[in-house]
PDB file of N, CA and C in Angstrom:
ATOM      1  N   MET A   1       0.810  -1.140  -0.022  1.00  0.00           N
ATOM      2  CA  MET A   1      -0.006  -0.010   0.031  1.00  0.00           C
ATOM      3  C   MET A   1       0.880   1.218  -0.011  1.00  0.00           C
ATOM      4  N   GLU A   2       0.595   2.180  -0.864  1.00  0.00           N
ATOM      5  CA  GLU A   2       1.325   3.416  -0.873  1.00  0.00           C
ATOM      6  C   GLU A   2       0.835   4.369   0.157  1.00  0.00           C
ATOM      7  N   PRO A   3       1.658   5.335   0.593  1.00  0.00           N
ATOM      8  CA  PRO A   3       1.200   6.316   1.584  1.00  0.00           C
ATOM      9  C   PRO A   3       0.054   7.078   1.065  1.00  0.00           C
ATOM     10  N   ALA A   4      -0.865   7.525   1.865  1.00  0.00           N
ATOM     11  CA  ALA A   4      -2.040   8.240   1.457  1.00  0.00           C
ATOM     12  C   ALA A   4      -1.682   9.765   1.255  1.00  0.00           C
ATOM     13  N   PHE A   5      -0.619  10.247   1.823  1.00  0.00           N
ATOM     14  CA  PHE A   5      -0.248  11.659   1.834  1.00  0.00           C
ATOM     15  C   PHE A   5       1.168  11.757   1.254  1.00  0.00           C
ATOM     16  N   TYR A   6       1.323  12.767   0.507  1.00  0.00           N
ATOM     17  CA  TYR A   6       2.599  13.030  -0.204  1.00  0.00           C
ATOM     18  C   TYR A   6       3.067  14.505   0.079  1.00  0.00           C
ATOM     19  N   GLU A   7       4.318  14.760   0.048  1.00  0.00           N
ATOM     20  CA  GLU A   7       4.813  16.105   0.077  1.00  0.00           C
ATOM     21  C   GLU A   7       4.222  16.928  -1.013  1.00  0.00           C
ATOM     22  N   GLY A   8       3.743  18.064  -0.669  1.00  0.00           N
ATOM     23  CA  GLY A   8       3.037  18.950  -1.643  1.00  0.00           C
ATOM     24  C   GLY A   8       1.515  18.846  -1.688  1.00  0.00           C
ATOM     25  N   ASP A   9       0.982  17.823  -0.976  1.00  0.00           N
ATOM     26  CA  ASP A   9      -0.437  17.687  -0.878  1.00  0.00           C
ATOM     27  C   ASP A   9      -1.043  18.882  -0.110  1.00  0.00           C
ATOM     28  N   PHE A  10      -2.318  19.146  -0.390  1.00  0.00           N
ATOM     29  CA  PHE A  10      -3.064  20.226   0.324  1.00  0.00           C
ATOM     30  C   PHE A  10      -4.105  19.479   1.180  1.00  0.00           C
ATOM     31  N   VAL A  11      -4.222  19.859   2.364  1.00  0.00           N
ATOM     32  CA  VAL A  11      -5.231  19.247   3.284  1.00  0.00           C
ATOM     33  C   VAL A  11      -6.165  20.302   3.812  1.00  0.00           C
ATOM     34  N   LEU A  12      -7.446  19.934   3.975  1.00  0.00           N
ATOM     35  CA  LEU A  12      -8.403  20.798   4.646  1.00  0.00           C
ATOM     36  C   LEU A  12      -8.558  20.206   6.097  1.00  0.00           C
ATOM     37  N   VAL A  13      -8.373  21.075   7.098  1.00  0.00           N
ATOM     38  CA  VAL A  13      -8.407  20.574   8.447  1.00  0.00           C
ATOM     39  C   VAL A  13      -9.550  21.167   9.201  1.00  0.00           C
ATOM     40  N   GLU A  14     -10.327  20.370   9.866  1.00  0.00           N
ATOM     41  CA  GLU A  14     -11.384  20.790  10.725  1.00  0.00           C
ATOM     42  C   GLU A  14     -10.781  20.846  12.177  1.00  0.00           C
ATOM     43  N   ARG A  15     -10.929  22.006  12.855  1.00  0.00           N
ATOM     44  CA  ARG A  15     -10.189  22.198  14.141  1.00  0.00           C
ATOM     45  C   ARG A  15     -11.068  22.209  15.369  1.00  0.00           C
ATOM     46  N   MET A  16     -12.285  21.874  15.302  1.00  0.00           N
ATOM     47  CA  MET A  16     -13.183  21.957  16.499  1.00  0.00           C
ATOM     48  C   MET A  16     -13.649  20.593  17.008  1.00  0.00           C
ATOM     49  N   SER A  17     -13.919  19.623  16.175  1.00  0.00           N
ATOM     50  CA  SER A  17     -14.630  18.431  16.693  1.00  0.00           C
ATOM     51  C   SER A  17     -13.764  17.647  17.721  1.00  0.00           C
ATOM     52  N   HIS A  18     -12.426  17.686  17.618  1.00  0.00           N
ATOM     53  CA  HIS A  18     -11.645  17.020  18.604  1.00  0.00           C
ATOM     54  C   HIS A  18     -11.788  17.514  19.976  1.00  0.00           C
ATOM     55  N   LEU A  19     -12.345  18.760  20.141  1.00  0.00           N
ATOM     56  CA  LEU A  19     -12.612  19.293  21.484  1.00  0.00           C
ATOM     57  C   LEU A  19     -13.754  18.646  22.086  1.00  0.00           C
ATOM     58  N   PHE A  20     -14.700  18.128  21.315  1.00  0.00           N
ATOM     59  CA  PHE A  20     -15.922  17.621  21.827  1.00  0.00           C
ATOM     60  C   PHE A  20     -16.159  16.089  21.603  1.00  0.00           C
ATOM     61  N   LEU A  21     -15.478  15.520  20.559  1.00  0.00           N
ATOM     62  CA  LEU A  21     -15.708  14.169  20.203  1.00  0.00           C
ATOM     63  C   LEU A  21     -14.387  13.348  20.384  1.00  0.00           C
ATOM     64  N   LYS A  22     -14.576  12.136  20.654  1.00  0.00           N
ATOM     65  CA  LYS A  22     -13.401  11.220  20.821  1.00  0.00           C
ATOM     66  C   LYS A  22     -12.780  10.921  19.421  1.00  0.00           C
ATOM     67  N   PRO A  23     -11.442  11.156  19.294  1.00  0.00           N
ATOM     68  CA  PRO A  23     -10.798  10.757  18.009  1.00  0.00           C
ATOM     69  C   PRO A  23     -10.877   9.243  17.859  1.00  0.00           C
ATOM     70  N   ARG A  24     -10.943   8.850  16.610  1.00  0.00           N
ATOM     71  CA  ARG A  24     -11.178   7.414  16.297  1.00  0.00           C
ATOM     72  C   ARG A  24      -9.908   6.847  15.554  1.00  0.00           C
ATOM     73  N   VAL A  25      -9.661   5.541  15.816  1.00  0.00           N
ATOM     74  CA  VAL A  25      -8.614   4.804  15.151  1.00  0.00           C
ATOM     75  C   VAL A  25      -8.899   4.955  13.645  1.00  0.00           C
ATOM     76  N   GLY A  26      -7.880   5.247  12.822  1.00  0.00           N
ATOM     77  CA  GLY A  26      -8.011   5.389  11.404  1.00  0.00           C
ATOM     78  C   GLY A  26      -8.105   6.823  10.993  1.00  0.00           C
ATOM     79  N   GLN A  27      -8.432   7.743  11.859  1.00  0.00           N
ATOM     80  CA  GLN A  27      -8.545   9.119  11.444  1.00  0.00           C
ATOM     81  C   GLN A  27      -7.168   9.715  11.153  1.00  0.00           C
ATOM     82  N   VAL A  28      -6.992  10.652  10.227  1.00  0.00           N
ATOM     83  CA  VAL A  28      -5.855  11.379  10.006  1.00  0.00           C
ATOM     84  C   VAL A  28      -5.988  12.702  10.754  1.00  0.00           C
ATOM     85  N   VAL A  29      -4.987  12.994  11.658  1.00  0.00           N
ATOM     86  CA  VAL A  29      -5.115  14.214  12.506  1.00  0.00           C
ATOM     87  C   VAL A  29      -3.851  15.004  12.355  1.00  0.00           C
ATOM     88  N   ILE A  30      -4.012  16.267  12.798  1.00  0.00           N
ATOM     89  CA  ILE A  30      -2.919  17.191  13.042  1.00  0.00           C
ATOM     90  C   ILE A  30      -2.649  17.188  14.455  1.00  0.00           C
ATOM     91  N   VAL A  31      -1.414  16.953  14.890  1.00  0.00           N
ATOM     92  CA  VAL A  31      -0.996  16.983  16.265  1.00  0.00           C
ATOM     93  C   VAL A  31       0.145  17.897  16.499  1.00  0.00           C
ATOM     94  N   LYS A  32       0.261  18.379  17.776  1.00  0.00           N
ATOM     95  CA  LYS A  32       1.408  19.178  18.142  1.00  0.00           C
ATOM     96  C   LYS A  32       2.490  18.201  18.504  1.00  0.00           C
ATOM     97  N   ASP A  33       3.674  18.527  17.956  1.00  0.00           N
ATOM     98  CA  ASP A  33       4.830  17.626  18.322  1.00  0.00           C
ATOM     99  C   ASP A  33       5.089  17.737  19.747  1.00  0.00           C
ATOM    100  N   PRO A  34       5.117  16.732  20.496  1.00  0.00           N
ATOM    101  CA  PRO A  34       5.359  16.784  22.017  1.00  0.00           C
ATOM    102  C   PRO A  34       6.648  17.294  22.408  1.00  0.00           C
ATOM    103  N   ARG A  35       7.651  17.270  21.424  1.00  0.00           N
ATOM    104  CA  ARG A  35       8.986  17.712  21.758  1.00  0.00           C
ATOM    105  C   ARG A  35       9.160  19.232  21.416  1.00  0.00           C
ATOM    106  N   ASP A  36       8.277  19.745  20.471  1.00  0.00           N
ATOM    107  CA  ASP A  36       8.318  21.122  20.042  1.00  0.00           C
ATOM    108  C   ASP A  36       6.865  21.560  19.731  1.00  0.00           C
ATOM    109  N   LYS A  37       6.153  22.105  20.682  1.00  0.00           N
ATOM    110  CA  LYS A  37       4.728  22.379  20.558  1.00  0.00           C
ATOM    111  C   LYS A  37       4.396  23.385  19.521  1.00  0.00           C
ATOM    112  N   GLU A  38       5.350  24.067  18.962  1.00  0.00           N
ATOM    113  CA  GLU A  38       5.131  25.026  17.878  1.00  0.00           C
ATOM    114  C   GLU A  38       5.059  24.264  16.515  1.00  0.00           C
ATOM    115  N   LYS A  39       5.514  23.092  16.449  1.00  0.00           N
ATOM    116  CA  LYS A  39       5.556  22.262  15.232  1.00  0.00           C
ATOM    117  C   LYS A  39       4.288  21.327  15.143  1.00  0.00           C
ATOM    118  N   LEU A  40       3.645  21.347  13.975  1.00  0.00           N
ATOM    119  CA  LEU A  40       2.441  20.523  13.726  1.00  0.00           C
ATOM    120  C   LEU A  40       2.822  19.313  12.906  1.00  0.00           C
ATOM    121  N   LEU A  41       2.275  18.083  13.152  1.00  0.00           N
ATOM    122  CA  LEU A  41       2.550  16.970  12.470  1.00  0.00           C
ATOM    123  C   LEU A  41       1.254  16.341  11.962  1.00  0.00           C
ATOM    124  N   LEU A  42       1.322  15.733  10.722  1.00  0.00           N
ATOM    125  CA  LEU A  42       0.204  14.982  10.104  1.00  0.00           C
ATOM    126  C   LEU A  42       0.368  13.530  10.402  1.00  0.00           C
ATOM    127  N   LYS A  43      -0.563  13.001  11.169  1.00  0.00           N
ATOM    128  CA  LYS A  43      -0.376  11.571  11.563  1.00  0.00           C
ATOM    129  C   LYS A  43      -1.720  10.814  11.487  1.00  0.00           C
ATOM    130  N   ARG A  44      -1.688   9.511  11.478  1.00  0.00           N
ATOM    131  CA  ARG A  44      -2.895   8.683  11.462  1.00  0.00           C
ATOM    132  C   ARG A  44      -2.933   7.947  12.839  1.00  0.00           C
ATOM    133  N   ILE A  45      -4.140   7.970  13.435  1.00  0.00           N
ATOM    134  CA  ILE A  45      -4.343   7.273  14.731  1.00  0.00           C
ATOM    135  C   ILE A  45      -4.406   5.808  14.447  1.00  0.00           C
ATOM    136  N   VAL A  46      -3.516   4.996  15.034  1.00  0.00           N
ATOM    137  CA  VAL A  46      -3.547   3.523  14.812  1.00  0.00           C
ATOM    138  C   VAL A  46      -3.946   2.777  16.013  1.00  0.00           C
ATOM    139  N   GLN A  47      -3.959   3.392  17.285  1.00  0.00           N
ATOM    140  CA  GLN A  47      -4.391   2.683  18.433  1.00  0.00           C
ATOM    141  C   GLN A  47      -4.807   3.726  19.474  1.00  0.00           C
ATOM    142  N   GLU A  48      -5.788   3.321  20.341  1.00  0.00           N
ATOM    143  CA  GLU A  48      -6.260   4.149  21.443  1.00  0.00           C
ATOM    144  C   GLU A  48      -6.322   3.208  22.728  1.00  0.00           C
ATOM    145  N   LYS A  49      -5.724   3.816  23.797  1.00  0.00           N
ATOM    146  CA  LYS A  49      -5.632   3.101  25.040  1.00  0.00           C
ATOM    147  C   LYS A  49      -5.862   4.041  26.251  1.00  0.00           C
ATOM    148  N   GLY A  50      -7.046   3.878  26.823  1.00  0.00           N
ATOM    149  CA  GLY A  50      -7.285   4.691  27.975  1.00  0.00           C
ATOM    150  C   GLY A  50      -7.174   6.225  27.807  1.00  0.00           C
ATOM    151  N   GLY A  51      -7.652   6.784  26.705  1.00  0.00           N
ATOM    152  CA  GLY A  51      -7.529   8.189  26.453  1.00  0.00           C
ATOM    153  C   GLY A  51      -6.200   8.660  25.894  1.00  0.00           C
ATOM    154  N   LYS A  52      -5.251   7.742  25.645  1.00  0.00           N
ATOM    155  CA  LYS A  52      -4.035   8.136  24.930  1.00  0.00           C
ATOM    156  C   LYS A  52      -3.983   7.452  23.585  1.00  0.00           C
ATOM    157  N   TYR A  53      -3.290   8.097  22.664  1.00  0.00           N
ATOM    158  CA  TYR A  53      -3.363   7.703  21.249  1.00  0.00           C
ATOM    159  C   TYR A  53      -1.956   7.428  20.688  1.00  0.00           C
ATOM    160  N   TRP A  54      -1.791   6.273  19.992  1.00  0.00           N
ATOM    161  CA  TRP A  54      -0.656   5.943  19.303  1.00  0.00           C
ATOM    162  C   TRP A  54      -0.822   6.398  17.792  1.00  0.00           C
ATOM    163  N   VAL A  55       0.060   7.185  17.300  1.00  0.00           N
ATOM    164  CA  VAL A  55      -0.088   7.766  15.959  1.00  0.00           C
ATOM    165  C   VAL A  55       1.188   7.387  15.108  1.00  0.00           C
ATOM    166  N   LYS A  56       0.914   7.196  13.830  1.00  0.00           N
ATOM    167  CA  LYS A  56       2.064   6.841  12.948  1.00  0.00           C
ATOM    168  C   LYS A  56       1.866   7.692  11.677  1.00  0.00           C
ATOM    169  N   GLY A  57       2.936   7.983  11.029  1.00  0.00           N
ATOM    170  CA  GLY A  57       2.977   8.531   9.710  1.00  0.00           C
ATOM    171  C   GLY A  57       2.700   7.456   8.578  1.00  0.00           C
ATOM    172  N   ASP A  58       2.135   7.887   7.472  1.00  0.00           N
ATOM    173  CA  ASP A  58       1.862   6.892   6.410  1.00  0.00           C
ATOM    174  C   ASP A  58       3.192   6.382   5.788  1.00  0.00           C
ATOM    175  N   ASN A  59       4.171   7.227   5.783  1.00  0.00           N
ATOM    176  CA  ASN A  59       5.509   6.832   5.278  1.00  0.00           C
ATOM    177  C   ASN A  59       6.402   6.427   6.461  1.00  0.00           C
ATOM    178  N   THR A  60       6.316   5.204   6.943  1.00  0.00           N
ATOM    179  CA  THR A  60       6.919   4.938   8.200  1.00  0.00           C
ATOM    180  C   THR A  60       8.394   4.960   8.219  1.00  0.00           C
ATOM    181  N   SER A  61       9.047   4.762   6.988  1.00  0.00           N
ATOM    182  CA  SER A  61      10.496   4.773   7.016  1.00  0.00           C
ATOM    183  C   SER A  61      11.082   6.201   7.252  1.00  0.00           C
ATOM    184  N   LYS A  62      10.213   7.255   7.017  1.00  0.00           N
ATOM    185  CA  LYS A  62      10.699   8.659   7.129  1.00  0.00           C
ATOM    186  C   LYS A  62       9.944   9.387   8.221  1.00  0.00           C
ATOM    187  N   SER A  63       9.052   8.682   8.935  1.00  0.00           N
ATOM    188  CA  SER A  63       8.112   9.427   9.759  1.00  0.00           C
ATOM    189  C   SER A  63       8.599   9.502  11.246  1.00  0.00           C
ATOM    190  N   THR A  64       8.466  10.621  11.894  1.00  0.00           N
ATOM    191  CA  THR A  64       8.640  10.821  13.250  1.00  0.00           C
ATOM    192  C   THR A  64       7.281  10.702  13.956  1.00  0.00           C
ATOM    193  N   ASP A  65       7.090   9.718  14.731  1.00  0.00           N
ATOM    194  CA  ASP A  65       5.711   9.507  15.236  1.00  0.00           C
ATOM    195  C   ASP A  65       5.818   8.895  16.686  1.00  0.00           C
ATOM    196  N   SER A  66       4.789   8.161  17.056  1.00  0.00           N
ATOM    197  CA  SER A  66       4.762   7.593  18.492  1.00  0.00           C
ATOM    198  C   SER A  66       5.883   6.640  18.780  1.00  0.00           C
ATOM    199  N   ARG A  67       6.492   6.040  17.621  1.00  0.00           N
ATOM    200  CA  ARG A  67       7.626   5.184  17.916  1.00  0.00           C
ATOM    201  C   ARG A  67       8.760   5.976  18.517  1.00  0.00           C
ATOM    202  N   HIS A  68       8.775   7.282  18.299  1.00  0.00           N
ATOM    203  CA  HIS A  68       9.831   8.198  18.833  1.00  0.00           C
ATOM    204  C   HIS A  68       9.426   8.965  20.102  1.00  0.00           C
ATOM    205  N   PHE A  69       8.183   9.374  20.182  1.00  0.00           N
ATOM    206  CA  PHE A  69       7.778  10.141  21.337  1.00  0.00           C
ATOM    207  C   PHE A  69       6.638   9.507  22.180  1.00  0.00           C
ATOM    208  N   GLY A  70       6.281   8.302  21.903  1.00  0.00           N
ATOM    209  CA  GLY A  70       5.232   7.551  22.699  1.00  0.00           C
ATOM    210  C   GLY A  70       3.836   7.984  22.530  1.00  0.00           C
ATOM    211  N   TRP A  71       3.009   7.620  23.465  1.00  0.00           N
ATOM    212  CA  TRP A  71       1.533   7.831  23.442  1.00  0.00           C
ATOM    213  C   TRP A  71       1.239   9.360  23.547  1.00  0.00           C
ATOM    214  N   LEU A  72       0.206   9.771  22.877  1.00  0.00           N
ATOM    215  CA  LEU A  72      -0.186  11.249  22.845  1.00  0.00           C
ATOM    216  C   LEU A  72      -1.522  11.381  23.634  1.00  0.00           C
ATOM    217  N   GLU A  73      -1.561  12.500  24.391  1.00  0.00           N
ATOM    218  CA  GLU A  73      -2.804  12.913  25.046  1.00  0.00           C
ATOM    219  C   GLU A  73      -3.663  13.679  24.046  1.00  0.00           C
ATOM    220  N   LYS A  74      -4.975  13.579  24.227  1.00  0.00           N
ATOM    221  CA  LYS A  74      -5.859  14.232  23.269  1.00  0.00           C
ATOM    222  C   LYS A  74      -5.655  15.789  23.330  1.00  0.00           C
ATOM    223  N   GLY A  75      -5.049  16.386  24.369  1.00  0.00           N
ATOM    224  CA  GLY A  75      -4.712  17.777  24.351  1.00  0.00           C
ATOM    225  C   GLY A  75      -3.720  18.260  23.332  1.00  0.00           C
ATOM    226  N   LEU A  76      -2.958  17.265  22.750  1.00  0.00           N
ATOM    227  CA  LEU A  76      -1.964  17.638  21.719  1.00  0.00           C
ATOM    228  C   LEU A  76      -2.627  17.690  20.324  1.00  0.00           C
ATOM    229  N   PHE A  77      -3.906  17.254  20.156  1.00  0.00           N
ATOM    230  CA  PHE A  77      -4.602  17.294  18.920  1.00  0.00           C
ATOM    231  C   PHE A  77      -4.951  18.695  18.521  1.00  0.00           C
ATOM    232  N   ALA A  78      -4.718  19.066  17.214  1.00  0.00           N
ATOM    233  CA  ALA A  78      -4.998  20.368  16.724  1.00  0.00           C
ATOM    234  C   ALA A  78      -6.084  20.343  15.649  1.00  0.00           C
ATOM    235  N   GLY A  79      -6.482  19.246  15.273  1.00  0.00           N
ATOM    236  CA  GLY A  79      -7.538  19.116  14.242  1.00  0.00           C
ATOM    237  C   GLY A  79      -7.518  17.746  13.499  1.00  0.00           C
ATOM    238  N   LYS A  80      -8.521  17.543  12.695  1.00  0.00           N
ATOM    239  CA  LYS A  80      -8.534  16.312  11.845  1.00  0.00           C
ATOM    240  C   LYS A  80      -8.656  16.716  10.426  1.00  0.00           C
ATOM    241  N   VAL A  81      -8.060  15.861   9.574  1.00  0.00           N
ATOM    242  CA  VAL A  81      -8.047  16.165   8.123  1.00  0.00           C
ATOM    243  C   VAL A  81      -9.350  15.654   7.563  1.00  0.00           C
ATOM    244  N   ILE A  82     -10.094  16.498   6.773  1.00  0.00           N
ATOM    245  CA  ILE A  82     -11.363  16.075   6.245  1.00  0.00           C
ATOM    246  C   ILE A  82     -11.302  15.996   4.763  1.00  0.00           C
ATOM    247  N   HIS A  83     -10.248  16.585   4.121  1.00  0.00           N
ATOM    248  CA  HIS A  83     -10.115  16.434   2.636  1.00  0.00           C
ATOM    249  C   HIS A  83      -8.631  16.614   2.264  1.00  0.00           C
ATOM    250  N   ARG A  84      -8.207  15.874   1.219  1.00  0.00           N
ATOM    251  CA  ARG A  84      -6.860  15.955   0.734  1.00  0.00           C
ATOM    252  C   ARG A  84      -6.910  16.036  -0.760  1.00  0.00           C
ATOM    253  N   THR A  85      -6.045  16.862  -1.351  1.00  0.00           N
ATOM    254  CA  THR A  85      -5.855  17.025  -2.760  1.00  0.00           C
ATOM    255  C   THR A  85      -4.451  17.161  -3.085  1.00  0.00           C
ATOM    256  N   GLY A  86      -3.982  16.555  -4.161  1.00  0.00           N
ATOM    257  CA  GLY A  86      -2.579  16.718  -4.566  1.00  0.00           C
ATOM    258  C   GLY A  86      -2.352  17.852  -5.562  1.00  0.00           C
ATOM    259  N   PRO A  87      -1.233  18.190  -5.870  1.00  0.00           N
ATOM    260  CA  PRO A  87      -0.895  19.224  -6.907  1.00  0.00           C
ATOM    261  C   PRO A  87      -1.474  18.746  -8.236  1.00  0.00           C
ATOM    262  N   LEU A  88      -1.645  19.720  -9.122  1.00  0.00           N
ATOM    263  CA  LEU A  88      -2.239  19.497 -10.440  1.00  0.00           C
ATOM    264  C   LEU A  88      -1.495  18.507 -11.247  1.00  0.00           C
ATOM    265  N   ASP A  89      -0.170  18.387 -11.083  1.00  0.00           N
ATOM    266  CA  ASP A  89       0.625  17.507 -11.924  1.00  0.00           C
ATOM    267  C   ASP A  89       0.346  16.013 -11.544  1.00  0.00           C
ATOM    268  N   ARG A  90      -0.304  15.746 -10.350  1.00  0.00           N
ATOM    269  CA  ARG A  90      -0.691  14.424  -9.948  1.00  0.00           C
ATOM    270  C   ARG A  90      -2.191  14.167 -10.090  1.00  0.00           C
ATOM    271  N   SER A  91      -2.993  15.229 -10.428  1.00  0.00           N
ATOM    272  CA  SER A  91      -4.417  15.136 -10.503  1.00  0.00           C
ATOM    273  C   SER A  91      -4.822  14.424 -11.768  1.00  0.00           C
ATOM    274  N   ILE A  92      -5.900  13.706 -11.704  1.00  0.00           N
ATOM    275  CA  ILE A  92      -6.450  12.938 -12.837  1.00  0.00           C
ATOM    276  C   ILE A  92      -7.651  13.762 -13.380  1.00  0.00           C
ATOM    277  N   MET A  93      -7.592  14.179 -14.617  1.00  0.00           N
ATOM    278  CA  MET A  93      -8.624  14.906 -15.270  1.00  0.00           C
ATOM    279  C   MET A  93      -9.615  13.892 -15.912  1.00  0.00           C
ATOM    280  N   ILE A  94     -10.828  14.088 -15.675  1.00  0.00           N
ATOM    281  CA  ILE A  94     -11.887  13.169 -16.300  1.00  0.00           C
ATOM    282  C   ILE A  94     -12.631  13.892 -17.408  1.00  0.00           C
TER     283      ILE A  94
END
């Protein structure tokens, strides 16, 4: 399986529902890097355990994710991705 997201992709992020709803396994989310809270990361939730979340990047060989910084608290979530589109050179015209 190829990664779902590529460098240069554009994403539409919804930034409110994570404040009220529980994030779900499989969702693609924007999280604050726990080591540098000014930096945002695009990750997929792969596991939930007692209110903490294990996240991974789609390109695991190049991704900095929970394998490096551990479980994330919901408070580090900044939004969820609701739409992705690639640059025009990768778009398919019908």
